[in-house]
Amino acid sequence: MNFSKLKVLYINCTLKKSPAVSHTETLMKVSQNILKKENVSFETIRLIDHDVAAGVYPDMTEKGWDKDEWPNIYKKVEEADVLIVGTPIWLGEKSSEAQKLIERLYAMSGETNDKGQYIYYGKVGGCMVTGNEDGVKHCAMGILYALQHVGYSIPPQADCGWIGEVGPGPSYGDTEWKDKSIEPPVGFDSEFTNRNTTFMTYNLLHLAKLLKDNNGYSNYGNSREAWDSGTHWSFENPEYR
């Protein structure tokens, strides 16, 4: 299987600025190691390192903000065949940076591609979640719903994650806790996390390749431009009785 023509973008929504260690990014590297072996190009963006304004418009400098780096980041989103959103869990929810990312993705969702479809049609989305206590599936549910709502395609097993025990404790990839060394690093021997991370990565690649090889989706029945021009295919209003 040749995935080498695909581009993958990881956006890490940690609350830690670089160069602080991000446990979410440590898990992302498991997926990225697979991409390296499959000759897939990828890039990682740590959203908090960039001056991205809050809002639901393409460029928030047009709405009173002095600076907004989102338009430049969006160019990378637009070029990528696969978007993987990474987030830690805080108070049982995805991070505030993850929510901001979703809102900025939503800001572009009204744009259309060259077939008149919404701009994210033909792209594939997934997510990676790390934290302590419960919340991986809850966070994945919200992120994956949002991605499909704006137009991303979601394959089977499009999420993966790792969670620690209830209460304060070491996080994914930690090698020390309370002056005691940990070997192997926390979570590295989790069969569940390792399997799901691998399956997620390959499922995203498989769907992205299928879509890319077929030039995305047919625009029959889903073109916003055609609908606005009066083409409604087989739709008709129900009869009034």
C-alpha atoms as a PDB file:
ATOM      1  CA  MET A   1       0.000   0.000   0.000  1.00  0.00           C
ATOM      2  CA  ASN A   2       1.455   3.358  -1.038  1.00  0.00           C
ATOM      3  CA  PHE A   3       0.440   6.357   1.094  1.00  0.00           C
ATOM      4  CA  SER A   4       3.360   8.556   0.062  1.00  0.00           C
ATOM      5  CA  LYS A   5       1.247  11.156  -1.760  1.00  0.00           C
ATOM      6  CA  LEU A   6      -0.686  12.041   1.389  1.00  0.00           C
ATOM      7  CA  LYS A   7      -0.060  14.970   3.733  1.00  0.00           C
ATOM      8  CA  VAL A   8      -0.981  14.790   7.411  1.00  0.00           C
ATOM      9  CA  LEU A   9      -1.273  17.757   9.763  1.00  0.00           C
ATOM     10  CA  TYR A  10      -1.224  17.278  13.527  1.00  0.00           C
ATOM     11  CA  ILE A  11      -2.496  20.219  15.585  1.00  0.00           C
ATOM     12  CA  ASN A  12      -1.573  19.828  19.231  1.00  0.00           C
ATOM     13  CA  CYS A  13      -3.956  21.718  21.498  1.00  0.00           C
ATOM     14  CA  THR A  14      -1.895  21.419  24.661  1.00  0.00           C
ATOM     15  CA  LEU A  15      -1.962  24.373  27.056  1.00  0.00           C
ATOM     16  CA  LYS A  16       1.841  24.279  27.318  1.00  0.00           C
ATOM     17  CA  LYS A  17       3.956  26.553  25.182  1.00  0.00           C
ATOM     18  CA  SER A  18       7.084  25.145  23.559  1.00  0.00           C
ATOM     19  CA  PRO A  19       9.552  23.872  24.617  1.00  0.00           C
ATOM     20  CA  ALA A  20       7.592  22.439  27.567  1.00  0.00           C
ATOM     21  CA  VAL A  21       7.000  18.700  27.275  1.00  0.00           C
ATOM     22  CA  SER A  22       3.528  17.864  25.931  1.00  0.00           C
ATOM     23  CA  HIS A  23       2.211  14.415  26.823  1.00  0.00           C
ATOM     24  CA  THR A  24      -0.237  14.676  23.921  1.00  0.00           C
ATOM     25  CA  GLU A  25       2.651  15.295  21.548  1.00  0.00           C
ATOM     26  CA  THR A  26       4.453  12.253  22.955  1.00  0.00           C
ATOM     27  CA  LEU A  27       1.494  10.100  21.915  1.00  0.00           C
ATOM     28  CA  MET A  28       1.401  11.852  18.541  1.00  0.00           C
ATOM     29  CA  LYS A  29       4.962  10.644  17.935  1.00  0.00           C
ATOM     30  CA  VAL A  30       3.742   7.032  18.068  1.00  0.00           C
ATOM     31  CA  SER A  31       1.481   7.791  15.109  1.00  0.00           C
ATOM     32  CA  GLN A  32       4.161   9.851  13.386  1.00  0.00           C
ATOM     33  CA  ASN A  33       6.665   7.005  13.585  1.00  0.00           C
ATOM     34  CA  ILE A  34       4.240   4.969  11.498  1.00  0.00           C
ATOM     35  CA  LEU A  35       4.015   7.782   8.944  1.00  0.00           C
ATOM     36  CA  LYS A  36       7.802   7.939   8.689  1.00  0.00           C
ATOM     37  CA  LYS A  37       7.945   4.243   7.839  1.00  0.00           C
ATOM     38  CA  GLU A  38       5.119   4.660   5.317  1.00  0.00           C
ATOM     39  CA  ASN A  39       6.861   7.678   3.695  1.00  0.00           C
ATOM     40  CA  VAL A  40       3.978  10.024   4.514  1.00  0.00           C
ATOM     41  CA  SER A  41       4.817  13.706   4.947  1.00  0.00           C
ATOM     42  CA  PHE A  42       3.507  15.346   8.090  1.00  0.00           C
ATOM     43  CA  GLU A  43       3.792  18.474  10.193  1.00  0.00           C
ATOM     44  CA  THR A  44       2.917  19.324  13.786  1.00  0.00           C
ATOM     45  CA  ILE A  45       1.586  22.680  14.947  1.00  0.00           C
ATOM     46  CA  ARG A  46       1.305  23.533  18.632  1.00  0.00           C
ATOM     47  CA  LEU A  47      -1.603  25.973  18.492  1.00  0.00           C
ATOM     48  CA  ILE A  48      -0.762  27.815  21.707  1.00  0.00           C
ATOM     49  CA  ASP A  49       2.620  28.833  20.257  1.00  0.00           C
ATOM     50  CA  HIS A  50       0.778  30.997  17.747  1.00  0.00           C
ATOM     51  CA  ASP A  51      -1.210  34.187  18.201  1.00  0.00           C
ATOM     52  CA  VAL A  52      -4.549  32.761  17.067  1.00  0.00           C
ATOM     53  CA  ALA A  53      -7.518  34.961  17.900  1.00  0.00           C
ATOM     54  CA  ALA A  54     -10.764  33.601  19.273  1.00  0.00           C
ATOM     55  CA  GLY A  55     -13.760  33.841  16.964  1.00  0.00           C
ATOM     56  CA  VAL A  56     -15.723  32.294  14.143  1.00  0.00           C
ATOM     57  CA  TYR A  57     -14.570  34.406  11.201  1.00  0.00           C
ATOM     58  CA  PRO A  58     -11.752  33.615   8.747  1.00  0.00           C
ATOM     59  CA  ASP A  59      -9.593  36.586   9.798  1.00  0.00           C
ATOM     60  CA  MET A  60     -10.330  38.177  13.145  1.00  0.00           C
ATOM     61  CA  THR A  61      -8.229  41.272  12.371  1.00  0.00           C
ATOM     62  CA  GLU A  62     -11.256  42.292  10.329  1.00  0.00           C
ATOM     63  CA  LYS A  63     -13.314  42.047  13.537  1.00  0.00           C
ATOM     64  CA  GLY A  64     -11.255  44.237  15.843  1.00  0.00           C
ATOM     65  CA  TRP A  65      -8.324  41.964  16.767  1.00  0.00           C
ATOM     66  CA  ASP A  66      -4.829  43.402  16.356  1.00  0.00           C
ATOM     67  CA  LYS A  67      -3.290  40.089  15.287  1.00  0.00           C
ATOM     68  CA  ASP A  68      -4.483  36.713  14.052  1.00  0.00           C
ATOM     69  CA  GLU A  69      -2.190  33.954  12.784  1.00  0.00           C
ATOM     70  CA  TRP A  70      -5.076  31.674  11.824  1.00  0.00           C
ATOM     71  CA  PRO A  71      -5.093  32.574   8.099  1.00  0.00           C
ATOM     72  CA  ASN A  72      -1.498  31.283   7.790  1.00  0.00           C
ATOM     73  CA  ILE A  73      -2.256  28.128   9.784  1.00  0.00           C
ATOM     74  CA  TYR A  74      -5.353  27.540   7.687  1.00  0.00           C
ATOM     75  CA  LYS A  75      -3.179  27.342   4.562  1.00  0.00           C
ATOM     76  CA  LYS A  76      -1.576  24.238   6.084  1.00  0.00           C
ATOM     77  CA  VAL A  77      -5.012  22.839   6.997  1.00  0.00           C
ATOM     78  CA  GLU A  78      -6.103  23.386   3.405  1.00  0.00           C
ATOM     79  CA  GLU A  79      -3.049  21.576   2.007  1.00  0.00           C
ATOM     80  CA  ALA A  80      -3.391  18.552   4.298  1.00  0.00           C
ATOM     81  CA  ASP A  81      -5.328  15.430   3.332  1.00  0.00           C
ATOM     82  CA  VAL A  82      -5.630  14.390   6.992  1.00  0.00           C
ATOM     83  CA  LEU A  83      -6.105  16.550  10.085  1.00  0.00           C
ATOM     84  CA  ILE A  84      -5.417  15.013  13.502  1.00  0.00           C
ATOM     85  CA  VAL A  85      -6.467  17.076  16.497  1.00  0.00           C
ATOM     86  CA  GLY A  86      -4.603  16.314  19.719  1.00  0.00           C
ATOM     87  CA  THR A  87      -5.800  17.464  23.124  1.00  0.00           C
ATOM     88  CA  PRO A  88      -5.256  16.891  26.818  1.00  0.00           C
ATOM     89  CA  ILE A  89      -8.240  16.433  29.121  1.00  0.00           C
ATOM     90  CA  TRP A  90      -9.020  19.195  31.604  1.00  0.00           C
ATOM     91  CA  LEU A  91     -12.032  18.858  33.909  1.00  0.00           C
ATOM     92  CA  GLY A  92     -13.319  16.061  31.688  1.00  0.00           C
ATOM     93  CA  GLU A  93     -13.275  18.191  28.533  1.00  0.00           C
ATOM     94  CA  LYS A  94     -11.003  18.920  25.577  1.00  0.00           C
ATOM     95  CA  SER A  95      -8.731  21.898  26.129  1.00  0.00           C
ATOM     96  CA  SER A  96      -9.720  25.497  25.496  1.00  0.00           C
ATOM     97  CA  GLU A  97      -7.198  25.522  22.644  1.00  0.00           C
ATOM     98  CA  ALA A  98      -8.993  22.574  21.048  1.00  0.00           C
ATOM     99  CA  GLN A  99     -12.305  24.378  21.283  1.00  0.00           C
ATOM    100  CA  LYS A 100     -10.745  27.481  19.733  1.00  0.00           C
ATOM    101  CA  LEU A 101      -9.369  25.352  16.886  1.00  0.00           C
ATOM    102  CA  ILE A 102     -12.800  23.876  16.220  1.00  0.00           C
ATOM    103  CA  GLU A 103     -14.329  27.343  16.131  1.00  0.00           C
ATOM    104  CA  ARG A 104     -11.702  28.566  13.673  1.00  0.00           C
ATOM    105  CA  LEU A 105     -12.209  25.500  11.469  1.00  0.00           C
ATOM    106  CA  TYR A 106     -15.926  26.285  11.559  1.00  0.00           C
ATOM    107  CA  ALA A 107     -15.147  29.830  10.417  1.00  0.00           C
ATOM    108  CA  MET A 108     -13.926  28.457   7.081  1.00  0.00           C
ATOM    109  CA  SER A 109     -16.652  25.838   6.609  1.00  0.00           C
ATOM    110  CA  GLY A 110     -18.800  28.073   4.410  1.00  0.00           C
ATOM    111  CA  GLU A 111     -16.080  28.235   1.751  1.00  0.00           C
ATOM    112  CA  THR A 112     -16.400  25.895  -1.239  1.00  0.00           C
ATOM    113  CA  ASN A 113     -14.012  23.813  -3.334  1.00  0.00           C
ATOM    114  CA  ASP A 114     -13.741  23.711  -7.114  1.00  0.00           C
ATOM    115  CA  LYS A 115     -16.742  21.334  -7.270  1.00  0.00           C
ATOM    116  CA  GLY A 116     -18.967  23.704  -5.322  1.00  0.00           C
ATOM    117  CA  GLN A 117     -18.848  21.524  -2.188  1.00  0.00           C
ATOM    118  CA  TYR A 118     -17.986  22.736   1.287  1.00  0.00           C
ATOM    119  CA  ILE A 119     -14.240  23.212   1.598  1.00  0.00           C
ATOM    120  CA  TYR A 120     -13.417  20.255   3.873  1.00  0.00           C
ATOM    121  CA  TYR A 121     -15.122  17.678   1.642  1.00  0.00           C
ATOM    122  CA  GLY A 122     -12.611  15.007   0.664  1.00  0.00           C
ATOM    123  CA  LYS A 123     -10.477  15.536   3.776  1.00  0.00           C
ATOM    124  CA  VAL A 124     -10.180  13.085   6.674  1.00  0.00           C
ATOM    125  CA  GLY A 125     -10.183  13.846  10.385  1.00  0.00           C
ATOM    126  CA  GLY A 126      -9.163  12.092  13.594  1.00  0.00           C
ATOM    127  CA  CYS A 127      -8.181  12.893  17.170  1.00  0.00           C
ATOM    128  CA  MET A 128      -5.768  11.888  19.920  1.00  0.00           C
ATOM    129  CA  VAL A 129      -6.495  12.457  23.620  1.00  0.00           C
ATOM    130  CA  THR A 130      -4.370  12.147  26.768  1.00  0.00           C
ATOM    131  CA  GLY A 131      -5.066  12.794  30.428  1.00  0.00           C
ATOM    132  CA  ASN A 132      -5.703  11.417  33.865  1.00  0.00           C
ATOM    133  CA  GLU A 133      -9.024   9.968  35.011  1.00  0.00           C
ATOM    134  CA  ASP A 134     -11.838   9.522  32.475  1.00  0.00           C
ATOM    135  CA  GLY A 135     -12.775  11.526  29.406  1.00  0.00           C
ATOM    136  CA  VAL A 136     -11.061  10.172  26.273  1.00  0.00           C
ATOM    137  CA  LYS A 137     -14.269   9.008  24.601  1.00  0.00           C
ATOM    138  CA  HIS A 138     -16.169  12.097  25.706  1.00  0.00           C
ATOM    139  CA  CYS A 139     -13.556  14.421  24.200  1.00  0.00           C
ATOM    140  CA  ALA A 140     -13.304  12.317  21.023  1.00  0.00           C
ATOM    141  CA  MET A 141     -17.079  12.404  20.641  1.00  0.00           C
ATOM    142  CA  GLY A 142     -17.159  16.197  20.582  1.00  0.00           C
ATOM    143  CA  ILE A 143     -14.125  16.634  18.357  1.00  0.00           C
ATOM    144  CA  LEU A 144     -15.130  14.029  15.777  1.00  0.00           C
ATOM    145  CA  TYR A 145     -18.694  15.343  15.642  1.00  0.00           C
ATOM    146  CA  ALA A 146     -17.405  18.853  14.988  1.00  0.00           C
ATOM    147  CA  LEU A 147     -15.023  17.675  12.273  1.00  0.00           C
ATOM    148  CA  GLN A 148     -17.690  15.728  10.392  1.00  0.00           C
ATOM    149  CA  HIS A 149     -20.162  18.588  10.796  1.00  0.00           C
ATOM    150  CA  VAL A 150     -17.888  21.001   8.937  1.00  0.00           C
ATOM    151  CA  GLY A 151     -17.185  18.441   6.190  1.00  0.00           C
ATOM    152  CA  TYR A 152     -14.391  16.106   7.255  1.00  0.00           C
ATOM    153  CA  SER A 153     -14.804  12.374   6.674  1.00  0.00           C
ATOM    154  CA  ILE A 154     -14.355  10.131   9.708  1.00  0.00           C
ATOM    155  CA  PRO A 155     -13.265   6.489   9.239  1.00  0.00           C
ATOM    156  CA  PRO A 156     -13.758   3.654  11.756  1.00  0.00           C
ATOM    157  CA  GLN A 157     -11.634   3.917  14.904  1.00  0.00           C
ATOM    158  CA  ALA A 158     -10.650   7.515  14.185  1.00  0.00           C
ATOM    159  CA  ASP A 159      -9.600   8.259  17.754  1.00  0.00           C
ATOM    160  CA  CYS A 160      -7.084   6.986  20.271  1.00  0.00           C
ATOM    161  CA  GLY A 161      -5.927   7.993  23.692  1.00  0.00           C
ATOM    162  CA  TRP A 162      -4.402   7.210  27.045  1.00  0.00           C
ATOM    163  CA  ILE A 163      -5.649   7.966  30.554  1.00  0.00           C
ATOM    164  CA  GLY A 164      -4.049   7.416  33.932  1.00  0.00           C
ATOM    165  CA  GLU A 165      -5.464   6.419  37.257  1.00  0.00           C
ATOM    166  CA  VAL A 166      -7.941   8.611  39.133  1.00  0.00           C
ATOM    167  CA  GLY A 167      -6.199  11.429  40.966  1.00  0.00           C
ATOM    168  CA  PRO A 168      -2.812  13.131  40.586  1.00  0.00           C
ATOM    169  CA  GLY A 169      -0.187  10.947  38.974  1.00  0.00           C
ATOM    170  CA  PRO A 170       2.255  10.593  36.106  1.00  0.00           C
ATOM    171  CA  SER A 171       1.064  11.322  32.580  1.00  0.00           C
ATOM    172  CA  TYR A 172       1.712   9.641  29.252  1.00  0.00           C
ATOM    173  CA  GLY A 173       5.416   9.350  28.501  1.00  0.00           C
ATOM    174  CA  ASP A 174       6.638  10.410  31.964  1.00  0.00           C
ATOM    175  CA  THR A 175       9.806   8.687  33.146  1.00  0.00           C
ATOM    176  CA  GLU A 176       9.760  10.017  36.701  1.00  0.00           C
ATOM    177  CA  TRP A 177       7.188  10.682  39.411  1.00  0.00           C
ATOM    178  CA  LYS A 178       7.877  11.931  42.944  1.00  0.00           C
ATOM    179  CA  ASP A 179      11.614  11.384  42.510  1.00  0.00           C
ATOM    180  CA  LYS A 180      11.105   7.767  41.435  1.00  0.00           C
ATOM    181  CA  SER A 181      12.113   6.637  37.965  1.00  0.00           C
ATOM    182  CA  ILE A 182       9.587   4.868  35.740  1.00  0.00           C
ATOM    183  CA  GLU A 183      10.589   2.278  33.144  1.00  0.00           C
ATOM    184  CA  PRO A 184       9.191   1.915  30.543  1.00  0.00           C
ATOM    185  CA  PRO A 185       7.738   5.438  30.251  1.00  0.00           C
ATOM    186  CA  VAL A 186       4.142   5.690  31.390  1.00  0.00           C
ATOM    187  CA  GLY A 187       1.670   4.300  28.854  1.00  0.00           C
ATOM    188  CA  PHE A 188       4.257   2.909  26.455  1.00  0.00           C
ATOM    189  CA  ASP A 189       3.312  -0.650  27.418  1.00  0.00           C
ATOM    190  CA  SER A 190      -0.446  -0.085  27.035  1.00  0.00           C
ATOM    191  CA  GLU A 191      -1.590  -2.614  24.442  1.00  0.00           C
ATOM    192  CA  PHE A 192      -4.925  -0.808  24.118  1.00  0.00           C
ATOM    193  CA  THR A 193      -3.325   2.583  23.398  1.00  0.00           C
ATOM    194  CA  ASN A 194      -0.705   1.156  21.071  1.00  0.00           C
ATOM    195  CA  ARG A 195      -3.254  -0.853  19.079  1.00  0.00           C
ATOM    196  CA  ASN A 196      -5.780   1.962  18.783  1.00  0.00           C
ATOM    197  CA  THR A 197      -3.115   4.507  17.815  1.00  0.00           C
ATOM    198  CA  THR A 198      -1.905   2.187  15.067  1.00  0.00           C
ATOM    199  CA  PHE A 199      -5.403   1.377  13.814  1.00  0.00           C
ATOM    200  CA  MET A 200      -6.395   5.055  13.871  1.00  0.00           C
ATOM    201  CA  THR A 201      -3.337   6.077  11.875  1.00  0.00           C
ATOM    202  CA  TYR A 202      -3.872   3.456   9.179  1.00  0.00           C
ATOM    203  CA  ASN A 203      -7.636   3.993   8.989  1.00  0.00           C
ATOM    204  CA  LEU A 204      -7.079   7.704   8.412  1.00  0.00           C
ATOM    205  CA  LEU A 205      -4.530   6.928   5.697  1.00  0.00           C
ATOM    206  CA  HIS A 206      -6.769   4.365   3.993  1.00  0.00           C
ATOM    207  CA  LEU A 207      -9.747   6.709   3.789  1.00  0.00           C
ATOM    208  CA  ALA A 208      -7.614   9.656   2.726  1.00  0.00           C
ATOM    209  CA  LYS A 209      -6.067   7.581  -0.066  1.00  0.00           C
ATOM    210  CA  LEU A 210      -9.470   6.369  -1.251  1.00  0.00           C
ATOM    211  CA  LEU A 211     -10.749   9.927  -1.403  1.00  0.00           C
ATOM    212  CA  LYS A 212      -7.623  11.341  -3.030  1.00  0.00           C
ATOM    213  CA  ASP A 213      -7.513   8.582  -5.662  1.00  0.00           C
ATOM    214  CA  ASN A 214     -11.145   9.321  -6.535  1.00  0.00           C
ATOM    215  CA  ASN A 215     -10.878  13.120  -6.462  1.00  0.00           C
ATOM    216  CA  GLY A 216     -12.999  13.306  -3.323  1.00  0.00           C
ATOM    217  CA  TYR A 217     -16.754  12.897  -3.406  1.00  0.00           C
ATOM    218  CA  SER A 218     -18.958  13.293  -6.433  1.00  0.00           C
ATOM    219  CA  ASN A 219     -20.738  16.636  -6.231  1.00  0.00           C
ATOM    220  CA  TYR A 220     -24.040  15.087  -7.263  1.00  0.00           C
ATOM    221  CA  GLY A 221     -26.467  15.977  -4.502  1.00  0.00           C
ATOM    222  CA  ASN A 222     -24.069  17.900  -2.274  1.00  0.00           C
ATOM    223  CA  SER A 223     -22.902  21.024  -4.109  1.00  0.00           C
ATOM    224  CA  ARG A 224     -23.764  24.230  -2.286  1.00  0.00           C
ATOM    225  CA  GLU A 225     -23.143  26.246  -5.440  1.00  0.00           C
ATOM    226  CA  ALA A 226     -25.485  24.035  -7.480  1.00  0.00           C
ATOM    227  CA  TRP A 227     -28.171  24.205  -4.787  1.00  0.00           C
ATOM    228  CA  ASP A 228     -27.990  27.998  -4.670  1.00  0.00           C
ATOM    229  CA  SER A 229     -28.278  28.048  -8.457  1.00  0.00           C
ATOM    230  CA  GLY A 230     -31.550  26.095  -8.317  1.00  0.00           C
ATOM    231  CA  THR A 231     -30.397  22.492  -8.795  1.00  0.00           C
ATOM    232  CA  HIS A 232     -32.103  20.398  -6.102  1.00  0.00           C
ATOM    233  CA  TRP A 233     -31.644  16.897  -7.629  1.00  0.00           C
ATOM    234  CA  SER A 234     -34.359  14.560  -6.292  1.00  0.00           C
ATOM    235  CA  PHE A 235     -35.476  16.806  -3.463  1.00  0.00           C
ATOM    236  CA  GLU A 236     -39.056  18.018  -3.335  1.00  0.00           C
ATOM    237  CA  ASN A 237     -41.173  19.479  -0.589  1.00  0.00           C
ATOM    238  CA  PRO A 238     -43.615  17.060   1.032  1.00  0.00           C
ATOM    239  CA  GLU A 239     -47.212  17.361  -0.119  1.00  0.00           C
ATOM    240  CA  TYR A 240     -49.557  19.244   2.109  1.00  0.00           C
ATOM    241  CA  ARG A 241     -52.747  17.358   2.942  1.00  0.00           C
END
